[in-house]
Amino acid sequence: MSALIVLLQAVANLSWGYMGAAVGAGLATIGAGLGIGKIGQGAMEGMARQPEAGGDIRSTMIIAAALVEGVAFFAVVVCLLIALKA
């Protein structure tokens, strides 16, 4: 609770746009990290169950991870645009 109070005091003189952009960028980063972690977990489990399909699983995993990173990058750019406008 005290960390929230310190955070609110730090941004008291800033507009809410900056705060929203910071929270949005943080959530996008956390979401991308969790998404790529789940992709890696599924790929490792799939390769452990069927080692002969490892190449196909690996290439599919790389494509899926790139798509997740693209969405996260888009979210961070939107948050930066909001922060620069605010």
PDB file of N, CA and C in Angstrom:
ATOM      1  N   MET A   1       0.820  -1.187   0.000  1.00  0.00           N
ATOM      2  CA  MET A   1       0.000   0.000   0.000  1.00  0.00           C
ATOM      3  C   MET A   1       0.862   1.249   0.000  1.00  0.00           C
ATOM      4  N   SER A   2       1.968   1.223   0.733  1.00  0.00           N
ATOM      5  CA  SER A   2       2.830   2.403   0.782  1.00  0.00           C
ATOM      6  C   SER A   2       3.513   2.639  -0.563  1.00  0.00           C
ATOM      7  N   ALA A   3       3.784   1.563  -1.319  1.00  0.00           N
ATOM      8  CA  ALA A   3       4.387   1.735  -2.642  1.00  0.00           C
ATOM      9  C   ALA A   3       3.428   2.458  -3.574  1.00  0.00           C
ATOM     10  N   LEU A   4       2.147   2.180  -3.460  1.00  0.00           N
ATOM     11  CA  LEU A   4       1.148   2.854  -4.279  1.00  0.00           C
ATOM     12  C   LEU A   4       1.072   4.331  -3.919  1.00  0.00           C
ATOM     13  N   ILE A   5       1.158   4.635  -2.649  1.00  0.00           N
ATOM     14  CA  ILE A   5       1.116   6.036  -2.217  1.00  0.00           C
ATOM     15  C   ILE A   5       2.330   6.793  -2.733  1.00  0.00           C
ATOM     16  N   VAL A   6       3.498   6.169  -2.664  1.00  0.00           N
ATOM     17  CA  VAL A   6       4.721   6.799  -3.177  1.00  0.00           C
ATOM     18  C   VAL A   6       4.601   7.024  -4.678  1.00  0.00           C
ATOM     19  N   LEU A   7       4.066   6.042  -5.390  1.00  0.00           N
ATOM     20  CA  LEU A   7       3.892   6.177  -6.834  1.00  0.00           C
ATOM     21  C   LEU A   7       2.923   7.295  -7.172  1.00  0.00           C
ATOM     22  N   LEU A   8       1.829   7.379  -6.443  1.00  0.00           N
ATOM     23  CA  LEU A   8       0.853   8.432  -6.696  1.00  0.00           C
ATOM     24  C   LEU A   8       1.406   9.814  -6.371  1.00  0.00           C
ATOM     25  N   GLN A   9       2.241   9.919  -5.337  1.00  0.00           N
ATOM     26  CA  GLN A   9       2.857  11.199  -5.015  1.00  0.00           C
ATOM     27  C   GLN A   9       3.874  11.600  -6.081  1.00  0.00           C
ATOM     28  N   ALA A  10       4.549  10.618  -6.661  1.00  0.00           N
ATOM     29  CA  ALA A  10       5.548  10.912  -7.679  1.00  0.00           C
ATOM     30  C   ALA A  10       4.911  11.450  -8.956  1.00  0.00           C
ATOM     31  N   VAL A  11       3.718  10.979  -9.272  1.00  0.00           N
ATOM     32  CA  VAL A  11       3.061  11.419 -10.499  1.00  0.00           C
ATOM     33  C   VAL A  11       1.973  12.452 -10.246  1.00  0.00           C
ATOM     34  N   ALA A  12       1.944  13.038  -9.071  1.00  0.00           N
ATOM     35  CA  ALA A  12       0.888  13.994  -8.741  1.00  0.00           C
ATOM     36  C   ALA A  12       0.930  15.212  -9.652  1.00  0.00           C
ATOM     37  N   ASN A  13       2.116  15.628 -10.065  1.00  0.00           N
ATOM     38  CA  ASN A  13       2.242  16.816 -10.899  1.00  0.00           C
ATOM     39  C   ASN A  13       2.178  16.491 -12.392  1.00  0.00           C
ATOM     40  N   LEU A  14       2.137  15.223 -12.748  1.00  0.00           N
ATOM     41  CA  LEU A  14       2.066  14.828 -14.147  1.00  0.00           C
ATOM     42  C   LEU A  14       0.615  14.574 -14.537  1.00  0.00           C
ATOM     43  N   SER A  15       0.380  14.559 -15.837  1.00  0.00           N
ATOM     44  CA  SER A  15      -0.991  14.274 -16.268  1.00  0.00           C
ATOM     45  C   SER A  15      -1.242  12.773 -16.211  1.00  0.00           C
ATOM     46  N   TRP A  16      -2.503  12.401 -16.261  1.00  0.00           N
ATOM     47  CA  TRP A  16      -2.877  10.987 -16.189  1.00  0.00           C
ATOM     48  C   TRP A  16      -2.462  10.238 -17.443  1.00  0.00           C
ATOM     49  N   GLY A  17      -2.212  10.954 -18.535  1.00  0.00           N
ATOM     50  CA  GLY A  17      -1.783  10.308 -19.771  1.00  0.00           C
ATOM     51  C   GLY A  17      -0.448   9.604 -19.615  1.00  0.00           C
ATOM     52  N   TYR A  18       0.461  10.251 -18.891  1.00  0.00           N
ATOM     53  CA  TYR A  18       1.772   9.636 -18.655  1.00  0.00           C
ATOM     54  C   TYR A  18       1.637   8.374 -17.813  1.00  0.00           C
ATOM     55  N   MET A  19       0.802   8.455 -16.800  1.00  0.00           N
ATOM     56  CA  MET A  19       0.593   7.308 -15.924  1.00  0.00           C
ATOM     57  C   MET A  19      -0.046   6.154 -16.689  1.00  0.00           C
ATOM     58  N   GLY A  20      -1.043   6.465 -17.491  1.00  0.00           N
ATOM     59  CA  GLY A  20      -1.701   5.432 -18.286  1.00  0.00           C
ATOM     60  C   GLY A  20      -0.768   4.811 -19.304  1.00  0.00           C
ATOM     61  N   ALA A  21       0.071   5.636 -19.919  1.00  0.00           N
ATOM     62  CA  ALA A  21       1.021   5.117 -20.898  1.00  0.00           C
ATOM     63  C   ALA A  21       2.050   4.208 -20.235  1.00  0.00           C
ATOM     64  N   ALA A  22       2.501   4.581 -19.056  1.00  0.00           N
ATOM     65  CA  ALA A  22       3.482   3.754 -18.347  1.00  0.00           C
ATOM     66  C   ALA A  22       2.882   2.414 -17.935  1.00  0.00           C
ATOM     67  N   VAL A  23       1.662   2.453 -17.425  1.00  0.00           N
ATOM     68  CA  VAL A  23       1.000   1.203 -17.030  1.00  0.00           C
ATOM     69  C   VAL A  23       0.731   0.332 -18.257  1.00  0.00           C
ATOM     70  N   GLY A  24       0.302   0.952 -19.340  1.00  0.00           N
ATOM     71  CA  GLY A  24       0.038   0.202 -20.566  1.00  0.00           C
ATOM     72  C   GLY A  24       1.284  -0.450 -21.127  1.00  0.00           C
ATOM     73  N   ALA A  25       2.392   0.280 -21.150  1.00  0.00           N
ATOM     74  CA  ALA A  25       3.639  -0.291 -21.650  1.00  0.00           C
ATOM     75  C   ALA A  25       4.108  -1.434 -20.753  1.00  0.00           C
ATOM     76  N   GLY A  26       3.943  -1.271 -19.454  1.00  0.00           N
ATOM     77  CA  GLY A  26       4.332  -2.342 -18.529  1.00  0.00           C
ATOM     78  C   GLY A  26       3.488  -3.590 -18.706  1.00  0.00           C
ATOM     79  N   LEU A  27       2.185  -3.410 -18.866  1.00  0.00           N
ATOM     80  CA  LEU A  27       1.304  -4.559 -19.072  1.00  0.00           C
ATOM     81  C   LEU A  27       1.585  -5.249 -20.403  1.00  0.00           C
ATOM     82  N   ALA A  28       1.901  -4.475 -21.436  1.00  0.00           N
ATOM     83  CA  ALA A  28       2.237  -5.077 -22.728  1.00  0.00           C
ATOM     84  C   ALA A  28       3.509  -5.904 -22.630  1.00  0.00           C
ATOM     85  N   THR A  29       4.483  -5.410 -21.893  1.00  0.00           N
ATOM     86  CA  THR A  29       5.734  -6.139 -21.723  1.00  0.00           C
ATOM     87  C   THR A  29       5.530  -7.413 -20.917  1.00  0.00           C
ATOM     88  N   ILE A  30       4.759  -7.310 -19.858  1.00  0.00           N
ATOM     89  CA  ILE A  30       4.486  -8.497 -19.039  1.00  0.00           C
ATOM     90  C   ILE A  30       3.701  -9.530 -19.846  1.00  0.00           C
ATOM     91  N   GLY A  31       2.712  -9.077 -20.601  1.00  0.00           N
ATOM     92  CA  GLY A  31       1.923  -9.984 -21.426  1.00  0.00           C
ATOM     93  C   GLY A  31       2.762 -10.688 -22.473  1.00  0.00           C
ATOM     94  N   ALA A  32       3.670  -9.951 -23.103  1.00  0.00           N
ATOM     95  CA  ALA A  32       4.543 -10.570 -24.106  1.00  0.00           C
ATOM     96  C   ALA A  32       5.467 -11.599 -23.467  1.00  0.00           C
ATOM     97  N   GLY A  33       5.994 -11.284 -22.320  1.00  0.00           N
ATOM     98  CA  GLY A  33       6.867 -12.234 -21.628  1.00  0.00           C
ATOM     99  C   GLY A  33       6.134 -13.514 -21.249  1.00  0.00           C
ATOM    100  N   LEU A  34       4.926 -13.359 -20.734  1.00  0.00           N
ATOM    101  CA  LEU A  34       4.138 -14.542 -20.388  1.00  0.00           C
ATOM    102  C   LEU A  34       3.758 -15.346 -21.627  1.00  0.00           C
ATOM    103  N   GLY A  35       3.405 -14.652 -22.696  1.00  0.00           N
ATOM    104  CA  GLY A  35       3.027 -15.336 -23.923  1.00  0.00           C
ATOM    105  C   GLY A  35       4.175 -16.126 -24.521  1.00  0.00           C
ATOM    106  N   ILE A  36       5.350 -15.537 -24.575  1.00  0.00           N
ATOM    107  CA  ILE A  36       6.508 -16.238 -25.128  1.00  0.00           C
ATOM    108  C   ILE A  36       6.917 -17.385 -24.217  1.00  0.00           C
ATOM    109  N   GLY A  37       6.748 -17.213 -22.919  1.00  0.00           N
ATOM    110  CA  GLY A  37       7.041 -18.306 -21.990  1.00  0.00           C
ATOM    111  C   GLY A  37       6.127 -19.500 -22.216  1.00  0.00           C
ATOM    112  N   LYS A  38       4.838 -19.224 -22.439  1.00  0.00           N
ATOM    113  CA  LYS A  38       3.892 -20.311 -22.713  1.00  0.00           C
ATOM    114  C   LYS A  38       4.195 -20.979 -24.062  1.00  0.00           C
ATOM    115  N   ILE A  39       4.603 -20.188 -25.038  1.00  0.00           N
ATOM    116  CA  ILE A  39       4.967 -20.762 -26.338  1.00  0.00           C
ATOM    117  C   ILE A  39       6.172 -21.682 -26.182  1.00  0.00           C
ATOM    118  N   GLY A  40       7.180 -21.217 -25.461  1.00  0.00           N
ATOM    119  CA  GLY A  40       8.367 -22.045 -25.233  1.00  0.00           C
ATOM    120  C   GLY A  40       8.052 -23.306 -24.455  1.00  0.00           C
ATOM    121  N   GLN A  41       7.187 -23.185 -23.459  1.00  0.00           N
ATOM    122  CA  GLN A  41       6.802 -24.352 -22.668  1.00  0.00           C
ATOM    123  C   GLN A  41       6.105 -25.396 -23.540  1.00  0.00           C
ATOM    124  N   GLY A  42       5.176 -24.939 -24.352  1.00  0.00           N
ATOM    125  CA  GLY A  42       4.467 -25.869 -25.229  1.00  0.00           C
ATOM    126  C   GLY A  42       5.383 -26.514 -26.256  1.00  0.00           C
ATOM    127  N   ALA A  43       6.315 -25.727 -26.779  1.00  0.00           N
ATOM    128  CA  ALA A  43       7.248 -26.280 -27.764  1.00  0.00           C
ATOM    129  C   ALA A  43       8.171 -27.313 -27.130  1.00  0.00           C
ATOM    130  N   MET A  44       8.657 -27.040 -25.932  1.00  0.00           N
ATOM    131  CA  MET A  44       9.542 -28.004 -25.272  1.00  0.00           C
ATOM    132  C   MET A  44       8.805 -29.301 -24.940  1.00  0.00           C
ATOM    133  N   GLU A  45       7.566 -29.174 -24.488  1.00  0.00           N
ATOM    134  CA  GLU A  45       6.779 -30.372 -24.202  1.00  0.00           C
ATOM    135  C   GLU A  45       6.500 -31.166 -25.476  1.00  0.00           C
ATOM    136  N   GLY A  46       6.203 -30.455 -26.564  1.00  0.00           N
ATOM    137  CA  GLY A  46       5.952 -31.133 -27.826  1.00  0.00           C
ATOM    138  C   GLY A  46       7.187 -31.838 -28.355  1.00  0.00           C
ATOM    139  N   MET A  47       8.344 -31.191 -28.237  1.00  0.00           N
ATOM    140  CA  MET A  47       9.591 -31.820 -28.700  1.00  0.00           C
ATOM    141  C   MET A  47       9.983 -32.998 -27.816  1.00  0.00           C
ATOM    142  N   ALA A  48       9.646 -32.931 -26.541  1.00  0.00           N
ATOM    143  CA  ALA A  48       9.952 -34.045 -25.645  1.00  0.00           C
ATOM    144  C   ALA A  48       9.075 -35.254 -25.968  1.00  0.00           C
ATOM    145  N   ARG A  49       7.837 -35.009 -26.374  1.00  0.00           N
ATOM    146  CA  ARG A  49       6.929 -36.122 -26.687  1.00  0.00           C
ATOM    147  C   ARG A  49       7.184 -36.700 -28.074  1.00  0.00           C
ATOM    148  N   GLN A  50       7.545 -35.835 -29.031  1.00  0.00           N
ATOM    149  CA  GLN A  50       7.817 -36.295 -30.384  1.00  0.00           C
ATOM    150  C   GLN A  50       9.109 -35.648 -30.884  1.00  0.00           C
ATOM    151  N   PRO A  51      10.245 -36.227 -30.572  1.00  0.00           N
ATOM    152  CA  PRO A  51      11.519 -35.627 -30.975  1.00  0.00           C
ATOM    153  C   PRO A  51      11.689 -35.506 -32.486  1.00  0.00           C
ATOM    154  N   GLU A  52      11.053 -36.382 -33.251  1.00  0.00           N
ATOM    155  CA  GLU A  52      11.206 -36.322 -34.703  1.00  0.00           C
ATOM    156  C   GLU A  52      10.507 -35.104 -35.310  1.00  0.00           C
ATOM    157  N   ALA A  53       9.580 -34.491 -34.590  1.00  0.00           N
ATOM    158  CA  ALA A  53       8.880 -33.302 -35.079  1.00  0.00           C
ATOM    159  C   ALA A  53       9.503 -32.019 -34.542  1.00  0.00           C
ATOM    160  N   GLY A  54      10.707 -32.115 -34.012  1.00  0.00           N
ATOM    161  CA  GLY A  54      11.345 -30.955 -33.381  1.00  0.00           C
ATOM    162  C   GLY A  54      11.558 -29.787 -34.319  1.00  0.00           C
ATOM    163  N   GLY A  55      11.963 -30.056 -35.557  1.00  0.00           N
ATOM    164  CA  GLY A  55      12.210 -28.970 -36.506  1.00  0.00           C
ATOM    165  C   GLY A  55      10.958 -28.186 -36.841  1.00  0.00           C
ATOM    166  N   ASP A  56       9.863 -28.904 -37.085  1.00  0.00           N
ATOM    167  CA  ASP A  56       8.602 -28.228 -37.400  1.00  0.00           C
ATOM    168  C   ASP A  56       8.085 -27.438 -36.195  1.00  0.00           C
ATOM    169  N   ILE A  57       8.202 -28.028 -35.022  1.00  0.00           N
ATOM    170  CA  ILE A  57       7.736 -27.345 -33.810  1.00  0.00           C
ATOM    171  C   ILE A  57       8.567 -26.101 -33.554  1.00  0.00           C
ATOM    172  N   ARG A  58       9.879 -26.198 -33.758  1.00  0.00           N
ATOM    173  CA  ARG A  58      10.761 -25.055 -33.513  1.00  0.00           C
ATOM    174  C   ARG A  58      10.428 -23.905 -34.467  1.00  0.00           C
ATOM    175  N   SER A  59      10.220 -24.201 -35.751  1.00  0.00           N
ATOM    176  CA  SER A  59       9.919 -23.118 -36.692  1.00  0.00           C
ATOM    177  C   SER A  59       8.558 -22.489 -36.390  1.00  0.00           C
ATOM    178  N   THR A  60       7.583 -23.293 -36.007  1.00  0.00           N
ATOM    179  CA  THR A  60       6.280 -22.759 -35.634  1.00  0.00           C
ATOM    180  C   THR A  60       6.385 -21.905 -34.373  1.00  0.00           C
ATOM    181  N   MET A  61       7.215 -22.331 -33.430  1.00  0.00           N
ATOM    182  CA  MET A  61       7.412 -21.570 -32.197  1.00  0.00           C
ATOM    183  C   MET A  61       8.033 -20.211 -32.494  1.00  0.00           C
ATOM    184  N   ILE A  62       9.008 -20.177 -33.396  1.00  0.00           N
ATOM    185  CA  ILE A  62       9.663 -18.908 -33.728  1.00  0.00           C
ATOM    186  C   ILE A  62       8.679 -17.948 -34.387  1.00  0.00           C
ATOM    187  N   ILE A  63       7.841 -18.462 -35.274  1.00  0.00           N
ATOM    188  CA  ILE A  63       6.841 -17.610 -35.929  1.00  0.00           C
ATOM    189  C   ILE A  63       5.839 -17.076 -34.904  1.00  0.00           C
ATOM    190  N   ALA A  64       5.370 -17.933 -34.008  1.00  0.00           N
ATOM    191  CA  ALA A  64       4.410 -17.496 -32.984  1.00  0.00           C
ATOM    192  C   ALA A  64       5.035 -16.470 -32.041  1.00  0.00           C
ATOM    193  N   ALA A  65       6.284 -16.688 -31.668  1.00  0.00           N
ATOM    194  CA  ALA A  65       6.955 -15.724 -30.787  1.00  0.00           C
ATOM    195  C   ALA A  65       7.133 -14.379 -31.487  1.00  0.00           C
ATOM    196  N   ALA A  66       7.421 -14.399 -32.783  1.00  0.00           N
ATOM    197  CA  ALA A  66       7.552 -13.142 -33.526  1.00  0.00           C
ATOM    198  C   ALA A  66       6.223 -12.400 -33.575  1.00  0.00           C
ATOM    199  N   LEU A  67       5.120 -13.126 -33.727  1.00  0.00           N
ATOM    200  CA  LEU A  67       3.811 -12.476 -33.736  1.00  0.00           C
ATOM    201  C   LEU A  67       3.481 -11.855 -32.375  1.00  0.00           C
ATOM    202  N   VAL A  68       3.818 -12.555 -31.304  1.00  0.00           N
ATOM    203  CA  VAL A  68       3.584 -12.011 -29.960  1.00  0.00           C
ATOM    204  C   VAL A  68       4.430 -10.760 -29.751  1.00  0.00           C
ATOM    205  N   GLU A  69       5.681 -10.797 -30.178  1.00  0.00           N
ATOM    206  CA  GLU A  69       6.541  -9.618 -30.042  1.00  0.00           C
ATOM    207  C   GLU A  69       6.021  -8.452 -30.871  1.00  0.00           C
ATOM    208  N   GLY A  70       5.459  -8.753 -32.037  1.00  0.00           N
ATOM    209  CA  GLY A  70       4.889  -7.689 -32.867  1.00  0.00           C
ATOM    210  C   GLY A  70       3.725  -6.997 -32.183  1.00  0.00           C
ATOM    211  N   VAL A  71       2.863  -7.771 -31.563  1.00  0.00           N
ATOM    212  CA  VAL A  71       1.729  -7.186 -30.843  1.00  0.00           C
ATOM    213  C   VAL A  71       2.221  -6.363 -29.650  1.00  0.00           C
ATOM    214  N   ALA A  72       3.212  -6.873 -28.937  1.00  0.00           N
ATOM    215  CA  ALA A  72       3.760  -6.133 -27.793  1.00  0.00           C
ATOM    216  C   ALA A  72       4.424  -4.836 -28.252  1.00  0.00           C
ATOM    217  N   PHE A  73       5.139  -4.893 -29.367  1.00  0.00           N
ATOM    218  CA  PHE A  73       5.783  -3.687 -29.895  1.00  0.00           C
ATOM    219  C   PHE A  73       4.729  -2.653 -30.291  1.00  0.00           C
ATOM    220  N   PHE A  74       3.649  -3.105 -30.918  1.00  0.00           N
ATOM    221  CA  PHE A  74       2.566  -2.201 -31.283  1.00  0.00           C
ATOM    222  C   PHE A  74       1.969  -1.540 -30.047  1.00  0.00           C
ATOM    223  N   ALA A  75       1.763  -2.310 -28.990  1.00  0.00           N
ATOM    224  CA  ALA A  75       1.194  -1.761 -27.754  1.00  0.00           C
ATOM    225  C   ALA A  75       2.124  -0.727 -27.129  1.00  0.00           C
ATOM    226  N   VAL A  76       3.418  -0.999 -27.144  1.00  0.00           N
ATOM    227  CA  VAL A  76       4.366  -0.051 -26.570  1.00  0.00           C
ATOM    228  C   VAL A  76       4.406   1.237 -27.404  1.00  0.00           C
ATOM    229  N   VAL A  77       4.318   1.128 -28.731  1.00  0.00           N
ATOM    230  CA  VAL A  77       4.300   2.314 -29.591  1.00  0.00           C
ATOM    231  C   VAL A  77       3.053   3.141 -29.327  1.00  0.00           C
ATOM    232  N   VAL A  78       1.913   2.485 -29.166  1.00  0.00           N
ATOM    233  CA  VAL A  78       0.680   3.214 -28.849  1.00  0.00           C
ATOM    234  C   VAL A  78       0.820   3.935 -27.514  1.00  0.00           C
ATOM    235  N   CYS A  79       1.415   3.271 -26.528  1.00  0.00           N
ATOM    236  CA  CYS A  79       1.615   3.914 -25.220  1.00  0.00           C
ATOM    237  C   CYS A  79       2.566   5.100 -25.323  1.00  0.00           C
ATOM    238  N   LEU A  80       3.594   4.980 -26.154  1.00  0.00           N
ATOM    239  CA  LEU A  80       4.509   6.114 -26.348  1.00  0.00           C
ATOM    240  C   LEU A  80       3.795   7.279 -27.041  1.00  0.00           C
ATOM    241  N   LEU A  81       2.947   6.990 -28.004  1.00  0.00           N
ATOM    242  CA  LEU A  81       2.190   8.052 -28.644  1.00  0.00           C
ATOM    243  C   LEU A  81       1.274   8.760 -27.658  1.00  0.00           C
ATOM    244  N   ILE A  82       0.660   8.003 -26.777  1.00  0.00           N
ATOM    245  CA  ILE A  82      -0.194   8.605 -25.744  1.00  0.00           C
ATOM    246  C   ILE A  82       0.638   9.481 -24.815  1.00  0.00           C
ATOM    247  N   ALA A  83       1.818   8.983 -24.446  1.00  0.00           N
ATOM    248  CA  ALA A  83       2.672   9.743 -23.524  1.00  0.00           C
ATOM    249  C   ALA A  83       3.163  11.024 -24.177  1.00  0.00           C
ATOM    250  N   LEU A  84       3.461  10.992 -25.454  1.00  0.00           N
ATOM    251  CA  LEU A  84       3.945  12.195 -26.124  1.00  0.00           C
ATOM    252  C   LEU A  84       2.825  13.195 -26.380  1.00  0.00           C
ATOM    253  N   LYS A  85       1.615  12.703 -26.487  1.00  0.00           N
ATOM    254  CA  LYS A  85       0.466  13.595 -26.708  1.00  0.00           C
ATOM    255  C   LYS A  85       0.006  14.250 -25.414  1.00  0.00           C
ATOM    256  N   ALA A  86       0.147  13.533 -24.304  1.00  0.00           N
ATOM    257  CA  ALA A  86      -0.387  14.018 -23.016  1.00  0.00           C
ATOM    258  C   ALA A  86       0.355  15.224 -22.502  1.00  0.00           C
TER     259      ALA A  86
END
